[in-house]
Amino acid sequence: MQEMAPSECRDFLLSGTRTAKLATVRPDGRPHVAPVWFTLDKDELIFMTMASTVKGKNILANPQIAISVDEEEFPFAFVLIQGPATIETLTPNELLPYSTRIARRYVGDERAETYGRRNAAEGELLIRVPLTKVVARKGVAS
């Protein structure tokens, strides 16, 4: 197993349509894990969620989160990110560029605008996680 260089980590995070597995803490202390679509914005991982979802409520109550992104093919690789999330409450028009960019990664150019408009809704939060506490490994099974 080898440590990824920062550029390899960025390339890994942006490759294909891998989802992030987001871990948050419920108010009673129990963990909650949910997959999220994401992308990078400079030195931050960004994703969106409705404030009314379990993950949205958890992040609003406790912004300490963990994220796992992995490659499920031999020789396997993963990136783990931990830290405080920054929560941005934006208008749907302000969210639209972010929601469209995130959607483009997962649904392609043809559907990006449709999904972007659908996801840039009132009550949607833009979540930013700095890439400061990162563990990135490749060749796990080599």
Foldseek 3Di string as FASTA:
>chain_A
DDFDDPVVVLCLQLPAFWWKWKWFAAPVGDIDTDTFQWHDDVQKIKTKDFCPDRVNVRCVVPQWMKIKTKDPDPPIKIKIATDGKDKDQDALVVQLVVQLVSVCRPPNDVCSNVRSSVQSHHRMIMIIGGRPDMTIDPSNND
